[in-house]
Structures are given as structure tokens and as C-alpha cells.
Amino acid sequence: MRTLTRETYYCDHCNKMYLSKYFCQKHEGNCTKNPENHRDCFSCAGCLKTTAIVSDHRNGLNEPLQVPVFYCSFIDIYITPPKAERNGNLYNLNKQNIFMPKKCNAKQEFSDVFLNDPF
């Protein structure tokens, strides 16, 4: 009979177990329970998931491509989530495209207007 003792690694945020340190570190960077990945935009009523037409795509074709994007209706800009920011997936769009801020003032400024909207 053989017994094998191995080191195991756990995510600091969700306690998921890994046998490889590399994959555990990679997961921790993308973990949804990691506070570094939390953005105010995800809980904001002004953040809408929509599609946009992109012509500078990376698949080598010359035809436009529809891609899913996040749009802030309060300040009229496209916003890129943390995962796309890490992967370098920032598209050239017809409006301003920024990375999601950790804290957003637009949410507080427009929350009273949005909540008191009669529609």
C-alpha cells in the first residue's frame, strides 16, 4: 500500500481547493468573491448589458462583429468589467470606453432621480 501526502492550496476568498499553487493564484485573481473584483457598477440600475458593433476585432475577418458590452446610461459611456480589463479586451467603440471604477459617484448623484422617476 502507498500513501501520498501533497500540499493543497485554498482560495482566500471562496475556499476552493487546488493541488497547484499556480492555478490557485490564477483563480484568486478572477474569483467573484475577491473584493478587488467588486465594482459599484454591477449593482447599479444605470448599468446595462447590451451589444455593440465593432470593426477592429481580432478574428481576421473584414466584416463588423457584434460583441456584448456594459453601458452606463447615467453618464452615457461604455464600461469595461475587471475580467475584460485583465484580459486586455478593450474595444474601440463609437462612444467613450473606460474601465469600471471601484467607486462611482454617478450612482449616488442619479439614485434620487431614478428612484423618484414616475415611470
PDB file of N, CA and C in Angstrom:
ATOM      1  N   MET A   1       0.852  -1.172   0.000  1.00  0.00           N
ATOM      2  CA  MET A   1       0.000   0.000   0.000  1.00  0.00           C
ATOM      3  C   MET A   1       0.897   1.234   0.000  1.00  0.00           C
ATOM      4  N   ARG A   2       0.421   2.264  -0.718  1.00  0.00           N
ATOM      5  CA  ARG A   2       1.162   3.504  -0.848  1.00  0.00           C
ATOM      6  C   ARG A   2       0.339   4.664  -0.316  1.00  0.00           C
ATOM      7  N   THR A   3       1.001   5.578   0.367  1.00  0.00           N
ATOM      8  CA  THR A   3       0.341   6.776   0.873  1.00  0.00           C
ATOM      9  C   THR A   3       1.023   7.991   0.266  1.00  0.00           C
ATOM     10  N   LEU A   4       0.235   8.922  -0.211  1.00  0.00           N
ATOM     11  CA  LEU A   4       0.772  10.117  -0.845  1.00  0.00           C
ATOM     12  C   LEU A   4       0.288  11.342  -0.064  1.00  0.00           C
ATOM     13  N   THR A   5       1.223  12.153   0.336  1.00  0.00           N
ATOM     14  CA  THR A   5       0.895  13.395   1.028  1.00  0.00           C
ATOM     15  C   THR A   5       1.253  14.553   0.108  1.00  0.00           C
ATOM     16  N   ARG A   6       0.272  15.416  -0.156  1.00  0.00           N
ATOM     17  CA  ARG A   6       0.501  16.545  -1.058  1.00  0.00           C
ATOM     18  C   ARG A   6       0.074  17.829  -0.397  1.00  0.00           C
ATOM     19  N   GLU A   7       0.697  18.916  -0.833  1.00  0.00           N
ATOM     20  CA  GLU A   7       0.260  20.228  -0.386  1.00  0.00           C
ATOM     21  C   GLU A   7      -0.985  20.613  -1.168  1.00  0.00           C
ATOM     22  N   THR A   8      -1.940  21.188  -0.478  1.00  0.00           N
ATOM     23  CA  THR A   8      -3.141  21.698  -1.138  1.00  0.00           C
ATOM     24  C   THR A   8      -3.224  23.195  -0.891  1.00  0.00           C
ATOM     25  N   TYR A   9      -3.826  23.883  -1.841  1.00  0.00           N
ATOM     26  CA  TYR A   9      -3.936  25.340  -1.790  1.00  0.00           C
ATOM     27  C   TYR A   9      -5.407  25.712  -1.832  1.00  0.00           C
ATOM     28  N   TYR A  10      -5.771  26.701  -1.033  1.00  0.00           N
ATOM     29  CA  TYR A  10      -7.156  27.138  -0.945  1.00  0.00           C
ATOM     30  C   TYR A  10      -7.255  28.619  -1.284  1.00  0.00           C
ATOM     31  N   CYS A  11      -8.312  28.967  -1.991  1.00  0.00           N
ATOM     32  CA  CYS A  11      -8.589  30.364  -2.306  1.00  0.00           C
ATOM     33  C   CYS A  11      -8.917  31.090  -0.999  1.00  0.00           C
ATOM     34  N   ASP A  12      -8.339  32.262  -0.804  1.00  0.00           N
ATOM     35  CA  ASP A  12      -8.582  33.043   0.404  1.00  0.00           C
ATOM     36  C   ASP A  12      -9.988  33.624   0.454  1.00  0.00           C
ATOM     37  N   HIS A  13     -10.689  33.610  -0.663  1.00  0.00           N
ATOM     38  CA  HIS A  13     -11.984  34.279  -0.733  1.00  0.00           C
ATOM     39  C   HIS A  13     -13.162  33.310  -0.749  1.00  0.00           C
ATOM     40  N   CYS A  14     -13.010  32.157  -1.403  1.00  0.00           N
ATOM     41  CA  CYS A  14     -14.136  31.222  -1.513  1.00  0.00           C
ATOM     42  C   CYS A  14     -13.802  29.813  -1.019  1.00  0.00           C
ATOM     43  N   ASN A  15     -12.577  29.586  -0.578  1.00  0.00           N
ATOM     44  CA  ASN A  15     -12.118  28.288  -0.047  1.00  0.00           C
ATOM     45  C   ASN A  15     -12.119  27.154  -1.066  1.00  0.00           C
ATOM     46  N   LYS A  16     -12.066  27.447  -2.330  1.00  0.00           N
ATOM     47  CA  LYS A  16     -11.948  26.405  -3.343  1.00  0.00           C
ATOM     48  C   LYS A  16     -10.552  25.789  -3.239  1.00  0.00           C
ATOM     49  N   MET A  17     -10.460  24.459  -3.352  1.00  0.00           N
ATOM     50  CA  MET A  17      -9.198  23.756  -3.176  1.00  0.00           C
ATOM     51  C   MET A  17      -8.495  23.492  -4.509  1.00  0.00           C
ATOM     52  N   TYR A  18      -7.166  23.642  -4.501  1.00  0.00           N
ATOM     53  CA  TYR A  18      -6.341  23.370  -5.682  1.00  0.00           C
ATOM     54  C   TYR A  18      -5.131  22.545  -5.268  1.00  0.00           C
ATOM     55  N   LEU A  19      -4.636  21.729  -6.189  1.00  0.00           N
ATOM     56  CA  LEU A  19      -3.407  20.976  -5.960  1.00  0.00           C
ATOM     57  C   LEU A  19      -2.196  21.713  -6.512  1.00  0.00           C
ATOM     58  N   SER A  20      -2.438  22.732  -7.315  1.00  0.00           N
ATOM     59  CA  SER A  20      -1.362  23.515  -7.917  1.00  0.00           C
ATOM     60  C   SER A  20      -1.420  24.952  -7.413  1.00  0.00           C
ATOM     61  N   LYS A  21      -0.302  25.470  -6.966  1.00  0.00           N
ATOM     62  CA  LYS A  21      -0.233  26.840  -6.466  1.00  0.00           C
ATOM     63  C   LYS A  21      -0.529  27.839  -7.582  1.00  0.00           C
ATOM     64  N   TYR A  22      -0.021  27.563  -8.796  1.00  0.00           N
ATOM     65  CA  TYR A  22      -0.215  28.455  -9.937  1.00  0.00           C
ATOM     66  C   TYR A  22      -1.702  28.646 -10.240  1.00  0.00           C
ATOM     67  N   PHE A  23      -2.449  27.554 -10.304  1.00  0.00           N
ATOM     68  CA  PHE A  23      -3.868  27.656 -10.648  1.00  0.00           C
ATOM     69  C   PHE A  23      -4.675  28.292  -9.520  1.00  0.00           C
ATOM     70  N   CYS A  24      -4.254  28.089  -8.285  1.00  0.00           N
ATOM     71  CA  CYS A  24      -4.931  28.748  -7.165  1.00  0.00           C
ATOM     72  C   CYS A  24      -4.728  30.264  -7.232  1.00  0.00           C
ATOM     73  N   GLN A  25      -3.503  30.692  -7.521  1.00  0.00           N
ATOM     74  CA  GLN A  25      -3.233  32.128  -7.647  1.00  0.00           C
ATOM     75  C   GLN A  25      -3.995  32.723  -8.827  1.00  0.00           C
ATOM     76  N   LYS A  26      -4.067  31.979  -9.912  1.00  0.00           N
ATOM     77  CA  LYS A  26      -4.807  32.448 -11.088  1.00  0.00           C
ATOM     78  C   LYS A  26      -6.299  32.595 -10.763  1.00  0.00           C
ATOM     79  N   HIS A  27      -6.837  31.624 -10.030  1.00  0.00           N
ATOM     80  CA  HIS A  27      -8.244  31.687  -9.643  1.00  0.00           C
ATOM     81  C   HIS A  27      -8.507  32.869  -8.709  1.00  0.00           C
ATOM     82  N   GLU A  28      -7.615  33.120  -7.744  1.00  0.00           N
ATOM     83  CA  GLU A  28      -7.816  34.206  -6.794  1.00  0.00           C
ATOM     84  C   GLU A  28      -7.905  35.567  -7.484  1.00  0.00           C
ATOM     85  N   GLY A  29      -7.183  35.736  -8.585  1.00  0.00           N
ATOM     86  CA  GLY A  29      -7.266  36.982  -9.335  1.00  0.00           C
ATOM     87  C   GLY A  29      -8.600  37.176 -10.012  1.00  0.00           C
ATOM     88  N   ASN A  30      -9.283  36.068 -10.339  1.00  0.00           N
ATOM     89  CA  ASN A  30     -10.565  36.133 -11.042  1.00  0.00           C
ATOM     90  C   ASN A  30     -11.759  35.804 -10.158  1.00  0.00           C
ATOM     91  N   CYS A  31     -11.530  35.452  -8.918  1.00  0.00           N
ATOM     92  CA  CYS A  31     -12.594  34.996  -8.021  1.00  0.00           C
ATOM     93  C   CYS A  31     -13.654  36.082  -7.848  1.00  0.00           C
ATOM     94  N   THR A  32     -14.916  35.690  -7.960  1.00  0.00           N
ATOM     95  CA  THR A  32     -16.012  36.655  -7.842  1.00  0.00           C
ATOM     96  C   THR A  32     -16.190  37.145  -6.411  1.00  0.00           C
ATOM     97  N   LYS A  33     -15.668  36.418  -5.435  1.00  0.00           N
ATOM     98  CA  LYS A  33     -15.763  36.847  -4.038  1.00  0.00           C
ATOM     99  C   LYS A  33     -14.565  37.687  -3.609  1.00  0.00           C
ATOM    100  N   ASN A  34     -13.623  37.919  -4.514  1.00  0.00           N
ATOM    101  CA  ASN A  34     -12.462  38.756  -4.231  1.00  0.00           C
ATOM    102  C   ASN A  34     -12.914  40.213  -4.197  1.00  0.00           C
ATOM    103  N   PRO A  35     -12.661  40.938  -3.084  1.00  0.00           N
ATOM    104  CA  PRO A  35     -13.113  42.332  -3.017  1.00  0.00           C
ATOM    105  C   PRO A  35     -12.467  43.238  -4.057  1.00  0.00           C
ATOM    106  N   GLU A  36     -11.320  42.866  -4.585  1.00  0.00           N
ATOM    107  CA  GLU A  36     -10.679  43.658  -5.642  1.00  0.00           C
ATOM    108  C   GLU A  36     -11.481  43.627  -6.937  1.00  0.00           C
ATOM    109  N   ASN A  37     -12.311  42.605  -7.116  1.00  0.00           N
ATOM    110  CA  ASN A  37     -13.097  42.475  -8.340  1.00  0.00           C
ATOM    111  C   ASN A  37     -14.487  43.096  -8.215  1.00  0.00           C
ATOM    112  N   HIS A  38     -14.857  43.559  -7.034  1.00  0.00           N
ATOM    113  CA  HIS A  38     -16.182  44.159  -6.851  1.00  0.00           C
ATOM    114  C   HIS A  38     -16.193  45.592  -7.394  1.00  0.00           C
ATOM    115  N   ARG A  39     -17.225  45.917  -8.141  1.00  0.00           N
ATOM    116  CA  ARG A  39     -17.405  47.253  -8.685  1.00  0.00           C
ATOM    117  C   ARG A  39     -18.820  47.720  -8.376  1.00  0.00           C
ATOM    118  N   ASP A  40     -18.978  49.026  -8.134  1.00  0.00           N
ATOM    119  CA  ASP A  40     -20.300  49.595  -7.873  1.00  0.00           C
ATOM    120  C   ASP A  40     -21.231  49.426  -9.072  1.00  0.00           C
ATOM    121  N   CYS A  41     -20.673  49.363 -10.251  1.00  0.00           N
ATOM    122  CA  CYS A  41     -21.478  49.300 -11.480  1.00  0.00           C
ATOM    123  C   CYS A  41     -22.361  48.050 -11.537  1.00  0.00           C
ATOM    124  N   PHE A  42     -21.886  46.934 -10.949  1.00  0.00           N
ATOM    125  CA  PHE A  42     -22.655  45.697 -11.035  1.00  0.00           C
ATOM    126  C   PHE A  42     -23.979  45.774 -10.278  1.00  0.00           C
ATOM    127  N   SER A  43     -24.079  46.625  -9.265  1.00  0.00           N
ATOM    128  CA  SER A  43     -25.315  46.750  -8.500  1.00  0.00           C
ATOM    129  C   SER A  43     -26.077  48.038  -8.834  1.00  0.00           C
ATOM    130  N   CYS A  44     -25.674  48.711  -9.883  1.00  0.00           N
ATOM    131  CA  CYS A  44     -26.278  49.989 -10.258  1.00  0.00           C
ATOM    132  C   CYS A  44     -27.385  49.773 -11.290  1.00  0.00           C
ATOM    133  N   ALA A  45     -28.463  50.528 -11.146  1.00  0.00           N
ATOM    134  CA  ALA A  45     -29.574  50.429 -12.099  1.00  0.00           C
ATOM    135  C   ALA A  45     -29.216  51.039 -13.453  1.00  0.00           C
ATOM    136  N   GLY A  46     -28.203  51.882 -13.500  1.00  0.00           N
ATOM    137  CA  GLY A  46     -27.810  52.519 -14.755  1.00  0.00           C
ATOM    138  C   GLY A  46     -26.904  51.666 -15.619  1.00  0.00           C
ATOM    139  N   CYS A  47     -26.402  50.564 -15.088  1.00  0.00           N
ATOM    140  CA  CYS A  47     -25.511  49.682 -15.844  1.00  0.00           C
ATOM    141  C   CYS A  47     -26.348  48.696 -16.642  1.00  0.00           C
ATOM    142  N   LEU A  48     -26.232  48.763 -17.946  1.00  0.00           N
ATOM    143  CA  LEU A  48     -27.000  47.903 -18.834  1.00  0.00           C
ATOM    144  C   LEU A  48     -26.071  47.029 -19.657  1.00  0.00           C
ATOM    145  N   LYS A  49     -26.417  45.764 -19.814  1.00  0.00           N
ATOM    146  CA  LYS A  49     -25.642  44.882 -20.676  1.00  0.00           C
ATOM    147  C   LYS A  49     -26.297  44.898 -22.048  1.00  0.00           C
ATOM    148  N   THR A  50     -25.531  45.289 -23.051  1.00  0.00           N
ATOM    149  CA  THR A  50     -26.056  45.434 -24.400  1.00  0.00           C
ATOM    150  C   THR A  50     -25.021  44.918 -25.393  1.00  0.00           C
ATOM    151  N   THR A  51     -25.261  45.096 -26.672  1.00  0.00           N
ATOM    152  CA  THR A  51     -24.297  44.707 -27.697  1.00  0.00           C
ATOM    153  C   THR A  51     -23.879  45.937 -28.493  1.00  0.00           C
ATOM    154  N   ALA A  52     -22.676  45.890 -29.013  1.00  0.00           N
ATOM    155  CA  ALA A  52     -22.159  46.979 -29.845  1.00  0.00           C
ATOM    156  C   ALA A  52     -21.494  46.372 -31.067  1.00  0.00           C
ATOM    157  N   ILE A  53     -21.471  47.121 -32.153  1.00  0.00           N
ATOM    158  CA  ILE A  53     -20.830  46.662 -33.381  1.00  0.00           C
ATOM    159  C   ILE A  53     -19.385  47.152 -33.388  1.00  0.00           C
ATOM    160  N   VAL A  54     -18.463  46.229 -33.559  1.00  0.00           N
ATOM    161  CA  VAL A  54     -17.032  46.525 -33.506  1.00  0.00           C
ATOM    162  C   VAL A  54     -16.411  46.124 -34.842  1.00  0.00           C
ATOM    163  N   SER A  55     -15.577  47.003 -35.385  1.00  0.00           N
ATOM    164  CA  SER A  55     -14.918  46.688 -36.649  1.00  0.00           C
ATOM    165  C   SER A  55     -13.443  46.333 -36.457  1.00  0.00           C
ATOM    166  N   ASP A  56     -12.883  46.564 -35.255  1.00  0.00           N
ATOM    167  CA  ASP A  56     -11.471  46.280 -35.024  1.00  0.00           C
ATOM    168  C   ASP A  56     -11.281  44.969 -34.258  1.00  0.00           C
ATOM    169  N   HIS A  57     -12.042  43.946 -34.639  1.00  0.00           N
ATOM    170  CA  HIS A  57     -11.953  42.679 -33.937  1.00  0.00           C
ATOM    171  C   HIS A  57     -10.697  41.913 -34.335  1.00  0.00           C
ATOM    172  N   ARG A  58     -10.404  40.879 -33.608  1.00  0.00           N
ATOM    173  CA  ARG A  58      -9.127  40.169 -33.751  1.00  0.00           C
ATOM    174  C   ARG A  58      -9.246  38.834 -34.480  1.00  0.00           C
ATOM    175  N   ASN A  59     -10.389  38.568 -35.117  1.00  0.00           N
ATOM    176  CA  ASN A  59     -10.544  37.272 -35.769  1.00  0.00           C
ATOM    177  C   ASN A  59     -10.072  37.265 -37.225  1.00  0.00           C
ATOM    178  N   GLY A  60      -9.598  38.376 -37.742  1.00  0.00           N
ATOM    179  CA  GLY A  60      -9.030  38.424 -39.092  1.00  0.00           C
ATOM    180  C   GLY A  60     -10.040  38.666 -40.197  1.00  0.00           C
ATOM    181  N   LEU A  61     -11.313  38.689 -39.917  1.00  0.00           N
ATOM    182  CA  LEU A  61     -12.323  38.942 -40.943  1.00  0.00           C
ATOM    183  C   LEU A  61     -12.528  40.441 -41.095  1.00  0.00           C
ATOM    184  N   ASN A  62     -12.995  40.855 -42.256  1.00  0.00           N
ATOM    185  CA  ASN A  62     -13.188  42.277 -42.527  1.00  0.00           C
ATOM    186  C   ASN A  62     -14.609  42.749 -42.270  1.00  0.00           C
ATOM    187  N   GLU A  63     -15.459  41.898 -41.751  1.00  0.00           N
ATOM    188  CA  GLU A  63     -16.839  42.293 -41.502  1.00  0.00           C
ATOM    189  C   GLU A  63     -17.035  42.679 -40.035  1.00  0.00           C
ATOM    190  N   PRO A  64     -17.968  43.587 -39.756  1.00  0.00           N
ATOM    191  CA  PRO A  64     -18.213  44.006 -38.365  1.00  0.00           C
ATOM    192  C   PRO A  64     -18.702  42.837 -37.504  1.00  0.00           C
ATOM    193  N   LEU A  65     -18.438  42.953 -36.218  1.00  0.00           N
ATOM    194  CA  LEU A  65     -18.776  41.896 -35.276  1.00  0.00           C
ATOM    195  C   LEU A  65     -19.569  42.496 -34.118  1.00  0.00           C
ATOM    196  N   GLN A  66     -20.643  41.818 -33.686  1.00  0.00           N
ATOM    197  CA  GLN A  66     -21.417  42.267 -32.532  1.00  0.00           C
ATOM    198  C   GLN A  66     -20.823  41.637 -31.278  1.00  0.00           C
ATOM    199  N   VAL A  67     -20.490  42.475 -30.295  1.00  0.00           N
ATOM    200  CA  VAL A  67     -19.897  41.989 -29.049  1.00  0.00           C
ATOM    201  C   VAL A  67     -20.742  42.476 -27.865  1.00  0.00           C
ATOM    202  N   PRO A  68     -20.816  41.680 -26.783  1.00  0.00           N
ATOM    203  CA  PRO A  68     -21.533  42.143 -25.590  1.00  0.00           C
ATOM    204  C   PRO A  68     -20.690  43.158 -24.826  1.00  0.00           C
ATOM    205  N   VAL A  69     -21.312  44.244 -24.393  1.00  0.00           N
ATOM    206  CA  VAL A  69     -20.624  45.302 -23.649  1.00  0.00           C
ATOM    207  C   VAL A  69     -21.543  45.807 -22.530  1.00  0.00           C
ATOM    208  N   PHE A  70     -20.947  46.482 -21.545  1.00  0.00           N
ATOM    209  CA  PHE A  70     -21.704  47.143 -20.493  1.00  0.00           C
ATOM    210  C   PHE A  70     -21.784  48.626 -20.826  1.00  0.00           C
ATOM    211  N   TYR A  71     -22.953  49.197 -20.602  1.00  0.00           N
ATOM    212  CA  TYR A  71     -23.200  50.599 -20.923  1.00  0.00           C
ATOM    213  C   TYR A  71     -23.769  51.301 -19.694  1.00  0.00           C
ATOM    214  N   CYS A  72     -23.216  52.463 -19.325  1.00  0.00           N
ATOM    215  CA  CYS A  72     -23.731  53.262 -18.213  1.00  0.00           C
ATOM    216  C   CYS A  72     -24.673  54.310 -18.788  1.00  0.00           C
ATOM    217  N   SER A  73     -25.949  54.159 -18.495  1.00  0.00           N
ATOM    218  CA  SER A  73     -26.940  55.089 -19.031  1.00  0.00           C
ATOM    219  C   SER A  73     -26.926  56.432 -18.294  1.00  0.00           C
ATOM    220  N   PHE A  74     -26.344  56.474 -17.099  1.00  0.00           N
ATOM    221  CA  PHE A  74     -26.297  57.727 -16.353  1.00  0.00           C
ATOM    222  C   PHE A  74     -25.313  58.717 -16.966  1.00  0.00           C
ATOM    223  N   ILE A  75     -24.126  58.249 -17.353  1.00  0.00           N
ATOM    224  CA  ILE A  75     -23.114  59.168 -17.883  1.00  0.00           C
ATOM    225  C   ILE A  75     -22.808  58.914 -19.355  1.00  0.00           C
ATOM    226  N   ASP A  76     -23.599  58.035 -20.010  1.00  0.00           N
ATOM    227  CA  ASP A  76     -23.547  57.820 -21.459  1.00  0.00           C
ATOM    228  C   ASP A  76     -22.161  57.378 -21.946  1.00  0.00           C
ATOM    229  N   ILE A  77     -21.608  56.325 -21.326  1.00  0.00           N
ATOM    230  CA  ILE A  77     -20.333  55.759 -21.758  1.00  0.00           C
ATOM    231  C   ILE A  77     -20.390  54.244 -21.641  1.00  0.00           C
ATOM    232  N   TYR A  78     -19.501  53.588 -22.358  1.00  0.00           N
ATOM    233  CA  TYR A  78     -19.333  52.146 -22.220  1.00  0.00           C
ATOM    234  C   TYR A  78     -18.326  51.884 -21.100  1.00  0.00           C
ATOM    235  N   ILE A  79     -18.545  50.816 -20.334  1.00  0.00           N
ATOM    236  CA  ILE A  79     -17.647  50.483 -19.234  1.00  0.00           C
ATOM    237  C   ILE A  79     -17.169  49.039 -19.380  1.00  0.00           C
ATOM    238  N   THR A  80     -15.895  48.815 -19.080  1.00  0.00           N
ATOM    239  CA  THR A  80     -15.279  47.506 -19.224  1.00  0.00           C
ATOM    240  C   THR A  80     -15.114  46.871 -17.848  1.00  0.00           C
ATOM    241  N   PRO A  81     -15.625  45.645 -17.630  1.00  0.00           N
ATOM    242  CA  PRO A  81     -15.510  44.990 -16.328  1.00  0.00           C
ATOM    243  C   PRO A  81     -14.077  44.546 -16.032  1.00  0.00           C
ATOM    244  N   PRO A  82     -13.775  44.208 -14.770  1.00  0.00           N
ATOM    245  CA  PRO A  82     -12.408  43.853 -14.385  1.00  0.00           C
ATOM    246  C   PRO A  82     -11.827  42.652 -15.142  1.00  0.00           C
ATOM    247  N   LYS A  83     -12.656  41.653 -15.436  1.00  0.00           N
ATOM    248  CA  LYS A  83     -12.152  40.473 -16.137  1.00  0.00           C
ATOM    249  C   LYS A  83     -11.659  40.839 -17.540  1.00  0.00           C
ATOM    250  N   ALA A  84     -12.427  41.644 -18.258  1.00  0.00           N
ATOM    251  CA  ALA A  84     -12.020  42.078 -19.590  1.00  0.00           C
ATOM    252  C   ALA A  84     -10.805  42.997 -19.509  1.00  0.00           C
ATOM    253  N   GLU A  85     -10.704  43.766 -18.427  1.00  0.00           N
ATOM    254  CA  GLU A  85      -9.551  44.647 -18.224  1.00  0.00           C
ATOM    255  C   GLU A  85      -8.271  43.819 -18.062  1.00  0.00           C
ATOM    256  N   ARG A  86      -8.350  42.745 -17.270  1.00  0.00           N
ATOM    257  CA  ARG A  86      -7.183  41.870 -17.083  1.00  0.00           C
ATOM    258  C   ARG A  86      -6.775  41.173 -18.377  1.00  0.00           C
ATOM    259  N   ASN A  87      -7.773  40.788 -19.186  1.00  0.00           N
ATOM    260  CA  ASN A  87      -7.501  40.078 -20.438  1.00  0.00           C
ATOM    261  C   ASN A  87      -7.131  41.015 -21.584  1.00  0.00           C
ATOM    262  N   GLY A  88      -7.267  42.317 -21.394  1.00  0.00           N
ATOM    263  CA  GLY A  88      -6.935  43.283 -22.440  1.00  0.00           C
ATOM    264  C   GLY A  88      -7.986  43.389 -23.520  1.00  0.00           C
ATOM    265  N   ASN A  89      -9.233  43.078 -23.211  1.00  0.00           N
ATOM    266  CA  ASN A  89     -10.318  43.141 -24.190  1.00  0.00           C
ATOM    267  C   ASN A  89     -11.008  44.493 -24.153  1.00  0.00           C
ATOM    268  N   LEU A  90     -10.344  45.500 -24.660  1.00  0.00           N
ATOM    269  CA  LEU A  90     -10.916  46.844 -24.722  1.00  0.00           C
ATOM    270  C   LEU A  90     -11.151  47.179 -26.192  1.00  0.00           C
ATOM    271  N   TYR A  91     -12.419  47.369 -26.557  1.00  0.00           N
ATOM    272  CA  TYR A  91     -12.778  47.627 -27.949  1.00  0.00           C
ATOM    273  C   TYR A  91     -12.815  49.122 -28.241  1.00  0.00           C
ATOM    274  N   ASN A  92     -12.555  49.479 -29.489  1.00  0.00           N
ATOM    275  CA  ASN A  92     -12.737  50.855 -29.950  1.00  0.00           C
ATOM    276  C   ASN A  92     -14.201  51.007 -30.356  1.00  0.00           C
ATOM    277  N   LEU A  93     -14.939  51.771 -29.572  1.00  0.00           N
ATOM    278  CA  LEU A  93     -16.366  51.939 -29.810  1.00  0.00           C
ATOM    279  C   LEU A  93     -16.657  53.380 -30.208  1.00  0.00           C
ATOM    280  N   ASN A  94     -17.903  53.640 -30.622  1.00  0.00           N
ATOM    281  CA  ASN A  94     -18.264  54.981 -31.088  1.00  0.00           C
ATOM    282  C   ASN A  94     -18.414  55.989 -29.952  1.00  0.00           C
ATOM    283  N   LYS A  95     -18.454  55.525 -28.693  1.00  0.00           N
ATOM    284  CA  LYS A  95     -18.500  56.402 -27.531  1.00  0.00           C
ATOM    285  C   LYS A  95     -17.301  56.097 -26.654  1.00  0.00           C
ATOM    286  N   GLN A  96     -17.117  56.912 -25.630  1.00  0.00           N
ATOM    287  CA  GLN A  96     -16.005  56.707 -24.715  1.00  0.00           C
ATOM    288  C   GLN A  96     -16.137  55.353 -24.021  1.00  0.00           C
ATOM    289  N   ASN A  97     -15.028  54.658 -23.863  1.00  0.00           N
ATOM    290  CA  ASN A  97     -14.987  53.344 -23.254  1.00  0.00           C
ATOM    291  C   ASN A  97     -13.955  53.378 -22.130  1.00  0.00           C
ATOM    292  N   ILE A  98     -14.401  53.190 -20.865  1.00  0.00           N
ATOM    293  CA  ILE A  98     -13.487  53.258 -19.732  1.00  0.00           C
ATOM    294  C   ILE A  98     -13.566  51.960 -18.929  1.00  0.00           C
ATOM    295  N   PHE A  99     -12.589  51.749 -18.047  1.00  0.00           N
ATOM    296  CA  PHE A  99     -12.631  50.627 -17.132  1.00  0.00           C
ATOM    297  C   PHE A  99     -13.585  50.958 -15.993  1.00  0.00           C
ATOM    298  N   MET A 100     -14.255  49.949 -15.456  1.00  0.00           N
ATOM    299  CA  MET A 100     -15.193  50.162 -14.355  1.00  0.00           C
ATOM    300  C   MET A 100     -14.449  50.698 -13.141  1.00  0.00           C
ATOM    301  N   PRO A 101     -14.897  51.810 -12.584  1.00  0.00           N
ATOM    302  CA  PRO A 101     -14.260  52.313 -11.362  1.00  0.00           C
ATOM    303  C   PRO A 101     -14.719  51.495 -10.154  1.00  0.00           C
ATOM    304  N   LYS A 102     -13.865  51.422  -9.139  1.00  0.00           N
ATOM    305  CA  LYS A 102     -14.248  50.696  -7.925  1.00  0.00           C
ATOM    306  C   LYS A 102     -15.372  51.422  -7.200  1.00  0.00           C
ATOM    307  N   LYS A 103     -15.277  52.728  -7.133  1.00  0.00           N
ATOM    308  CA  LYS A 103     -16.323  53.544  -6.514  1.00  0.00           C
ATOM    309  C   LYS A 103     -16.833  54.525  -7.560  1.00  0.00           C
ATOM    310  N   CYS A 104     -18.144  54.663  -7.651  1.00  0.00           N
ATOM    311  CA  CYS A 104     -18.733  55.529  -8.676  1.00  0.00           C
ATOM    312  C   CYS A 104     -19.620  56.576  -8.026  1.00  0.00           C
ATOM    313  N   ASN A 105     -19.393  57.832  -8.361  1.00  0.00           N
ATOM    314  CA  ASN A 105     -20.213  58.916  -7.842  1.00  0.00           C
ATOM    315  C   ASN A 105     -21.526  59.059  -8.599  1.00  0.00           C
ATOM    316  N   ALA A 106     -21.584  58.572  -9.818  1.00  0.00           N
ATOM    317  CA  ALA A 106     -22.807  58.698 -10.618  1.00  0.00           C
ATOM    318  C   ALA A 106     -23.952  57.944  -9.965  1.00  0.00           C
ATOM    319  N   LYS A 107     -23.648  56.866  -9.289  1.00  0.00           N
ATOM    320  CA  LYS A 107     -24.689  56.077  -8.627  1.00  0.00           C
ATOM    321  C   LYS A 107     -25.390  56.906  -7.562  1.00  0.00           C
ATOM    322  N   GLN A 108     -24.630  57.645  -6.746  1.00  0.00           N
ATOM    323  CA  GLN A 108     -25.233  58.474  -5.711  1.00  0.00           C
ATOM    324  C   GLN A 108     -25.939  59.688  -6.307  1.00  0.00           C
ATOM    325  N   GLU A 109     -25.340  60.301  -7.328  1.00  0.00           N
ATOM    326  CA  GLU A 109     -25.915  61.502  -7.926  1.00  0.00           C
ATOM    327  C   GLU A 109     -27.256  61.223  -8.589  1.00  0.00           C
ATOM    328  N   PHE A 110     -27.376  60.072  -9.250  1.00  0.00           N
ATOM    329  CA  PHE A 110     -28.570  59.782 -10.023  1.00  0.00           C
ATOM    330  C   PHE A 110     -29.548  58.867  -9.299  1.00  0.00           C
ATOM    331  N   SER A 111     -29.195  58.351  -8.128  1.00  0.00           N
ATOM    332  CA  SER A 111     -30.093  57.411  -7.450  1.00  0.00           C
ATOM    333  C   SER A 111     -31.402  58.077  -7.050  1.00  0.00           C
ATOM    334  N   ASP A 112     -31.362  59.335  -6.586  1.00  0.00           N
ATOM    335  CA  ASP A 112     -32.594  60.025  -6.216  1.00  0.00           C
ATOM    336  C   ASP A 112     -33.486  60.269  -7.426  1.00  0.00           C
ATOM    337  N   VAL A 113     -32.891  60.624  -8.540  1.00  0.00           N
ATOM    338  CA  VAL A 113     -33.650  60.861  -9.770  1.00  0.00           C
ATOM    339  C   VAL A 113     -34.273  59.561 -10.253  1.00  0.00           C
ATOM    340  N   PHE A 114     -33.512  58.481 -10.202  1.00  0.00           N
ATOM    341  CA  PHE A 114     -34.002  57.193 -10.698  1.00  0.00           C
ATOM    342  C   PHE A 114     -35.108  56.637  -9.803  1.00  0.00           C
ATOM    343  N   LEU A 115     -34.934  56.750  -8.482  1.00  0.00           N
ATOM    344  CA  LEU A 115     -35.926  56.202  -7.563  1.00  0.00           C
ATOM    345  C   LEU A 115     -37.229  57.016  -7.560  1.00  0.00           C
ATOM    346  N   ASN A 116     -37.147  58.307  -7.844  1.00  0.00           N
ATOM    347  CA  ASN A 116     -38.344  59.150  -7.844  1.00  0.00           C
ATOM    348  C   ASN A 116     -38.965  59.280  -9.223  1.00  0.00           C
ATOM    349  N   ASP A 117     -38.455  58.535 -10.177  1.00  0.00           N
ATOM    350  CA  ASP A 117     -38.989  58.581 -11.538  1.00  0.00           C
ATOM    351  C   ASP A 117     -40.405  57.995 -11.546  1.00  0.00           C
ATOM    352  N   PRO A 118     -41.413  58.722 -12.075  1.00  0.00           N
ATOM    353  CA  PRO A 118     -42.792  58.232 -12.039  1.00  0.00           C
ATOM    354  C   PRO A 118     -43.065  57.070 -12.970  1.00  0.00           C
ATOM    355  N   PHE A 119     -42.196  56.788 -13.918  1.00  0.00           N
ATOM    356  CA  PHE A 119     -42.463  55.717 -14.881  1.00  0.00           C
ATOM    357  C   PHE A 119     -42.189  54.396 -14.297  1.00  0.00           C
TER     358      PHE A 119
END
